[in-house]
Structures are given as structure tokens and as C-alpha cells.
N, C-alpha and C. Protein backbone atom coordinates (compact mmCIF):
# COMPACT_ATOMS: atom_id res chain seq x y z
N UNK A 1 -94.36 205.32 127.13
CA UNK A 1 -94.70 204.14 127.56
C UNK A 1 -93.47 203.12 127.83
N UNK A 2 -93.45 202.60 128.84
CA UNK A 2 -92.47 201.81 129.03
C UNK A 2 -92.81 200.44 128.46
N UNK A 3 -91.53 199.97 127.73
CA UNK A 3 -91.11 198.96 126.96
C UNK A 3 -91.40 197.70 127.88
N UNK A 4 -92.03 196.60 127.43
CA UNK A 4 -92.31 195.59 128.15
C UNK A 4 -91.57 194.24 127.49
N UNK A 5 -91.55 193.33 128.51
CA UNK A 5 -90.46 192.14 128.30
C UNK A 5 -91.33 190.96 128.76
N UNK A 6 -90.80 189.94 128.53
CA UNK A 6 -91.27 188.63 128.87
C UNK A 6 -91.79 188.51 130.14
N UNK A 7 -91.02 188.78 131.10
CA UNK A 7 -91.38 189.00 132.60
C UNK A 7 -92.49 189.81 132.68
N UNK A 8 -92.62 191.01 132.12
CA UNK A 8 -93.97 191.85 132.31
C UNK A 8 -95.08 190.96 131.77
N UNK A 9 -94.94 190.15 130.71
CA UNK A 9 -96.03 189.46 130.01
C UNK A 9 -96.43 188.50 131.09
N UNK A 10 -95.55 187.54 131.29
CA UNK A 10 -95.71 186.42 132.45
C UNK A 10 -96.63 186.75 133.78
N UNK A 11 -95.97 187.85 134.27
CA UNK A 11 -96.53 188.56 135.62
C UNK A 11 -97.84 188.99 135.15
N UNK A 12 -98.27 189.64 134.41
CA UNK A 12 -99.32 190.46 133.87
C UNK A 12 -100.63 188.94 133.66
N UNK A 13 -100.04 188.18 132.92
CA UNK A 13 -100.75 186.81 132.68
C UNK A 13 -101.23 186.27 133.76
N UNK A 14 -100.34 185.97 134.90
CA UNK A 14 -100.40 185.30 136.41
C UNK A 14 -101.60 186.27 137.02
N UNK A 15 -101.27 187.64 137.05
CA UNK A 15 -102.35 188.25 137.73
C UNK A 15 -103.78 188.16 137.12
N UNK A 16 -103.94 187.99 135.63
CA UNK A 16 -105.19 187.95 135.25
C UNK A 16 -105.87 186.55 135.52
N UNK A 17 -105.15 185.57 135.58
CA UNK A 17 -105.38 184.14 135.63
C UNK A 17 -104.64 183.37 136.68
N UNK A 18 -104.98 183.84 138.23
CA UNK A 18 -104.14 183.09 139.37
C UNK A 18 -104.38 181.56 139.04
N UNK A 19 -103.35 180.84 139.53
CA UNK A 19 -103.58 179.38 139.25
C UNK A 19 -103.24 178.78 137.83
N UNK A 20 -103.09 179.50 136.91
CA UNK A 20 -102.73 179.09 135.63
C UNK A 20 -101.76 178.12 135.35
N UNK A 21 -101.67 177.40 134.49
CA UNK A 21 -100.32 176.48 134.16
C UNK A 21 -99.29 177.25 133.42
N UNK A 22 -97.99 176.73 133.76
CA UNK A 22 -97.01 177.12 132.90
C UNK A 22 -96.94 177.23 131.46
N UNK A 23 -97.40 176.05 131.13
CA UNK A 23 -97.82 175.65 129.61
C UNK A 23 -98.79 176.73 129.00
N UNK A 24 -99.71 177.04 129.51
CA UNK A 24 -100.77 177.85 129.10
C UNK A 24 -100.21 179.42 129.17
N UNK A 25 -99.38 179.85 130.16
CA UNK A 25 -98.49 181.06 129.92
C UNK A 25 -97.54 181.09 128.81
N UNK A 26 -96.85 180.01 128.74
CA UNK A 26 -95.85 180.03 127.83
C UNK A 26 -96.40 180.17 126.05
N UNK A 27 -97.62 179.44 126.07
CA UNK A 27 -98.25 179.28 124.86
C UNK A 27 -98.73 180.48 124.32
N UNK A 28 -99.37 181.22 125.42
CA UNK A 28 -99.73 182.65 125.11
C UNK A 28 -98.67 183.64 124.79
N UNK A 29 -97.51 183.56 125.42
CA UNK A 29 -96.41 184.38 125.22
C UNK A 29 -95.67 184.06 123.77
N UNK A 30 -95.68 182.72 123.45
CA UNK A 30 -95.26 182.45 122.28
C UNK A 30 -96.19 182.94 120.80
N UNK A 31 -97.46 182.77 121.13
CA UNK A 31 -98.39 183.52 120.43
C UNK A 31 -98.37 185.02 120.25
N UNK A 32 -97.97 185.71 121.38
CA UNK A 32 -97.92 187.12 121.22
C UNK A 32 -96.62 187.47 120.42
N UNK A 33 -95.60 186.57 120.43
CA UNK A 33 -94.41 187.15 119.59
C UNK A 33 -94.56 186.33 118.19
N UNK A 34 -95.43 185.28 117.66
CA UNK A 34 -95.21 184.70 116.41
C UNK A 34 -96.65 184.68 115.79
N UNK A 35 -97.54 185.13 116.46
CA UNK A 35 -98.95 185.21 116.05
C UNK A 35 -99.51 183.99 115.72
N UNK A 36 -99.08 182.71 115.96
CA UNK A 36 -99.54 181.57 115.64
C UNK A 36 -98.60 180.44 116.73
N UNK A 37 -99.23 179.28 116.73
CA UNK A 37 -98.50 178.33 117.61
C UNK A 37 -97.60 177.21 116.73
N UNK A 38 -97.44 177.61 115.77
CA UNK A 38 -96.63 176.78 114.78
C UNK A 38 -95.18 176.50 115.33
N UNK A 39 -94.70 175.57 115.74
CA UNK A 39 -93.37 175.48 116.36
C UNK A 39 -93.29 175.54 117.70
N UNK A 40 -94.43 175.68 118.17
CA UNK A 40 -94.42 175.93 119.94
C UNK A 40 -94.07 174.47 120.11
N UNK A 41 -93.11 174.33 121.26
CA UNK A 41 -92.85 173.10 121.92
C UNK A 41 -93.31 173.06 123.12
N UNK A 42 -94.24 172.34 123.81
CA UNK A 42 -95.18 172.58 124.93
C UNK A 42 -93.92 172.11 125.99
N UNK A 43 -93.10 171.20 125.58
CA UNK A 43 -92.02 170.87 126.78
C UNK A 43 -90.63 171.71 127.04
N UNK A 44 -90.49 172.62 125.95
CA UNK A 44 -89.19 172.95 126.24
C UNK A 44 -89.23 174.70 125.89
N UNK A 45 -90.00 175.29 125.27
CA UNK A 45 -90.25 176.93 125.00
C UNK A 45 -90.35 177.54 126.23
N UNK A 46 -89.36 178.35 126.46
CA UNK A 46 -89.51 179.49 127.74
C UNK A 46 -89.51 178.61 129.09
N UNK A 47 -89.33 177.53 129.08
CA UNK A 47 -89.37 176.73 130.62
C UNK A 47 -88.46 177.43 131.50
N UNK A 48 -87.70 178.11 131.15
CA UNK A 48 -86.54 178.49 132.23
C UNK A 48 -87.17 179.52 133.05
N UNK A 49 -88.22 180.26 132.75
CA UNK A 49 -88.91 181.05 133.47
C UNK A 49 -89.69 180.64 134.51
N UNK A 50 -89.88 179.30 134.67
CA UNK A 50 -90.57 178.52 135.69
C UNK A 50 -89.97 177.25 136.34
N UNK A 51 -88.74 177.19 136.04
CA UNK A 51 -88.19 175.98 136.79
C UNK A 51 -86.87 176.43 137.50
N UNK A 52 -86.53 175.87 138.75
CA UNK A 52 -85.52 176.44 139.46
C UNK A 52 -84.08 176.11 138.72
N UNK A 53 -83.87 174.76 138.43
CA UNK A 53 -82.75 174.06 138.28
C UNK A 53 -82.12 174.89 136.99
N UNK A 54 -82.84 175.14 135.94
CA UNK A 54 -82.14 175.91 134.83
C UNK A 54 -82.41 177.55 134.77
N UNK A 55 -82.80 177.93 136.07
CA UNK A 55 -83.22 179.35 136.01
C UNK A 55 -82.12 180.10 137.24
N UNK A 56 -81.15 180.51 136.80
CA UNK A 56 -79.99 181.35 137.85
C UNK A 56 -80.66 182.65 138.21
N UNK A 57 -81.71 183.19 137.61
CA UNK A 57 -82.44 184.53 138.20
C UNK A 57 -83.28 184.64 138.98
N UNK A 58 -83.73 183.43 139.48
CA UNK A 58 -84.58 183.18 140.57
C UNK A 58 -86.24 183.64 140.18
N UNK A 59 -86.47 183.82 138.90
CA UNK A 59 -87.93 184.36 138.73
C UNK A 59 -89.11 183.31 139.34
N UNK A 60 -89.00 182.11 139.29
CA UNK A 60 -90.02 181.15 140.31
C UNK A 60 -90.19 181.49 141.62
N UNK A 61 -89.45 182.23 142.27
CA UNK A 61 -89.60 182.35 143.62
C UNK A 61 -89.73 184.08 143.79
N UNK A 62 -88.98 184.75 143.00
CA UNK A 62 -89.02 185.97 143.15
C UNK A 62 -90.47 187.04 142.59
N UNK A 63 -90.91 186.50 141.22
CA UNK A 63 -91.95 187.30 140.69
C UNK A 63 -93.30 186.15 140.76
N UNK A 64 -93.15 184.84 140.91
CA UNK A 64 -94.14 184.16 141.00
C UNK A 64 -93.73 182.87 141.54
N UNK A 65 -94.88 182.12 142.12
CA UNK A 65 -94.36 180.68 142.73
C UNK A 65 -95.73 179.65 142.61
N UNK A 66 -95.29 178.63 142.79
CA UNK A 66 -96.17 177.57 142.64
C UNK A 66 -96.46 176.79 143.75
N UNK A 67 -97.46 177.15 144.64
CA UNK A 67 -97.48 176.52 146.10
C UNK A 67 -98.36 174.97 145.75
N UNK A 68 -98.78 174.66 144.55
CA UNK A 68 -99.53 173.63 144.05
C UNK A 68 -98.69 173.32 142.69
N UNK A 69 -98.17 172.14 142.48
CA UNK A 69 -97.27 171.91 141.48
C UNK A 69 -97.96 172.25 139.99
N UNK A 70 -97.42 173.11 139.19
CA UNK A 70 -97.86 173.26 137.94
C UNK A 70 -98.78 174.87 137.96
N UNK A 71 -99.26 175.32 139.17
CA UNK A 71 -100.31 176.21 139.22
C UNK A 71 -99.71 177.45 139.82
N UNK A 72 -99.49 178.47 138.94
CA UNK A 72 -98.90 179.70 139.32
C UNK A 72 -99.81 180.53 139.75
N UNK A 73 -99.05 181.51 140.83
CA UNK A 73 -99.50 182.69 141.66
C UNK A 73 -98.52 183.79 141.60
N UNK A 74 -99.01 184.76 141.68
CA UNK A 74 -98.00 186.02 141.63
C UNK A 74 -97.57 186.32 143.09
N UNK A 75 -96.21 187.13 143.21
CA UNK A 75 -95.75 187.51 144.27
C UNK A 75 -96.04 188.95 144.45
N UNK A 76 -95.72 189.34 145.68
CA UNK A 76 -95.61 190.88 145.91
C UNK A 76 -94.80 191.54 145.28
N UNK A 77 -93.69 191.17 144.96
CA UNK A 77 -92.38 191.49 143.90
C UNK A 77 -93.13 191.59 142.25
N UNK A 78 -93.62 190.36 141.94
CA UNK A 78 -94.15 190.22 140.71
C UNK A 78 -95.30 191.20 140.23
N UNK A 79 -96.15 191.58 141.52
CA UNK A 79 -97.16 192.58 141.31
C UNK A 79 -96.58 193.90 140.41
N UNK A 80 -95.29 194.04 140.85
CA UNK A 80 -94.52 195.28 140.39
C UNK A 80 -94.20 195.13 138.93
N UNK A 81 -94.34 193.97 138.30
CA UNK A 81 -94.09 193.90 137.11
C UNK A 81 -95.44 193.58 136.12
N UNK A 82 -96.48 193.79 136.77
CA UNK A 82 -97.54 193.71 135.99
C UNK A 82 -97.98 195.22 135.11
N UNK A 83 -98.35 194.96 134.03
CA UNK A 83 -98.38 196.12 132.99
C UNK A 83 -99.87 196.20 132.78
N UNK A 84 -100.67 196.99 133.10
CA UNK A 84 -102.20 197.13 132.99
C UNK A 84 -102.55 197.07 131.04
N UNK A 85 -101.70 197.81 130.53
CA UNK A 85 -102.13 197.94 129.21
C UNK A 85 -102.06 196.56 128.46
N UNK A 86 -101.39 195.61 128.86
CA UNK A 86 -101.28 194.16 128.32
C UNK A 86 -102.50 193.40 128.69
N UNK A 87 -103.28 193.66 129.76
CA UNK A 87 -104.27 192.79 130.13
C UNK A 87 -105.37 192.29 129.05
N UNK A 88 -105.65 193.32 128.22
CA UNK A 88 -106.70 192.77 127.10
C UNK A 88 -106.22 191.90 126.15
N UNK A 89 -104.94 192.25 125.79
CA UNK A 89 -104.11 191.37 124.47
C UNK A 89 -104.10 190.36 125.20
N UNK A 90 -103.50 190.02 126.61
CA UNK A 90 -103.38 188.73 127.05
C UNK A 90 -104.62 187.98 127.31
N UNK A 91 -105.85 188.81 127.60
CA UNK A 91 -106.99 187.96 127.71
C UNK A 91 -107.63 187.31 126.38
N UNK A 92 -107.12 188.21 125.18
CA UNK A 92 -107.28 187.58 124.03
C UNK A 92 -106.41 186.36 123.59
N UNK A 93 -105.17 186.63 123.76
CA UNK A 93 -104.21 185.51 123.22
C UNK A 93 -104.81 184.13 124.27
N UNK A 94 -105.13 184.26 125.57
CA UNK A 94 -105.60 183.19 126.21
C UNK A 94 -106.85 182.43 125.54
N UNK A 95 -107.70 183.17 124.99
CA UNK A 95 -108.66 182.71 124.46
C UNK A 95 -108.62 182.13 123.04
N UNK A 96 -107.66 182.81 122.21
CA UNK A 96 -107.16 182.25 121.01
C UNK A 96 -106.57 180.92 121.04
N UNK A 97 -105.56 180.76 121.96
CA UNK A 97 -104.94 179.74 122.30
C UNK A 97 -105.25 178.36 122.70
N UNK A 98 -106.80 178.74 123.37
CA UNK A 98 -107.38 177.59 124.01
C UNK A 98 -108.30 177.19 122.83
N UNK A 99 -108.82 178.11 121.79
CA UNK A 99 -109.56 177.61 120.70
C UNK A 99 -108.46 176.63 119.87
N UNK A 100 -107.44 177.18 119.65
CA UNK A 100 -106.39 176.36 118.90
C UNK A 100 -106.32 175.20 119.37
N UNK A 101 -105.90 174.86 120.64
CA UNK A 101 -105.49 173.70 121.33
C UNK A 101 -106.69 172.86 121.28
N UNK A 102 -107.76 173.33 121.42
CA UNK A 102 -109.22 172.37 121.35
C UNK A 102 -109.49 171.79 119.95
N UNK A 103 -108.97 172.61 118.95
CA UNK A 103 -109.16 172.27 117.56
C UNK A 103 -108.13 171.36 117.17
N UNK A 104 -107.23 171.12 117.91
CA UNK A 104 -106.02 170.23 117.70
C UNK A 104 -104.87 170.42 117.27
């Protein structure tokens, strides 16, 4: 099985939830790595995957794009980064993160 990385995770998340926010994606990615949201910085953690200024690799235009500010969609190139075996985990991470965010 191919090793996955943050790009695979983000592309798969956007594939599962088109129009999602960058904060929701980053929150789920953080949770997948730390199993909690303690220390997650809403404004800073992993923002380079979404914003042009600090991103010299071009992820925001190559793999995903935001036709409406803050709402992300996957590109054709990004579809190549989607990893089907991540889908179930990503759906669970999204649900858990939403519950944590709601409870405060």
C-alpha cells in the first residue's frame, strides 16, 4: 500500500466534502496526526497548503482551488492524489472534529 502524506489527506478530504473550508480540512488533518485538537491553531497550522503567498509549491492551484473565498474544490490533478482507503477515516475525523468544535 502506498504511503500517504498531507497532500493525499487534503485531496481526499476535498473530494469527500467539496466546498469545505480550509479550517475544517486543517482541523481534521491535525486530529489525524495528534488524536486531539489540543494546540491546534486555527489561523496558523498548515495554512501554507492553501494560500499562495507562503506556498512556493503551488498546491492551491495545482491540486485544489477556491472559486469562492474559503471554499475548496479539487482539480483534475488533485483527483490523482485522492486515496480511497482514507475516505472512511476522513469521514470519521470530520464528525469528531465537528463535535469537539461544537462542545467548545
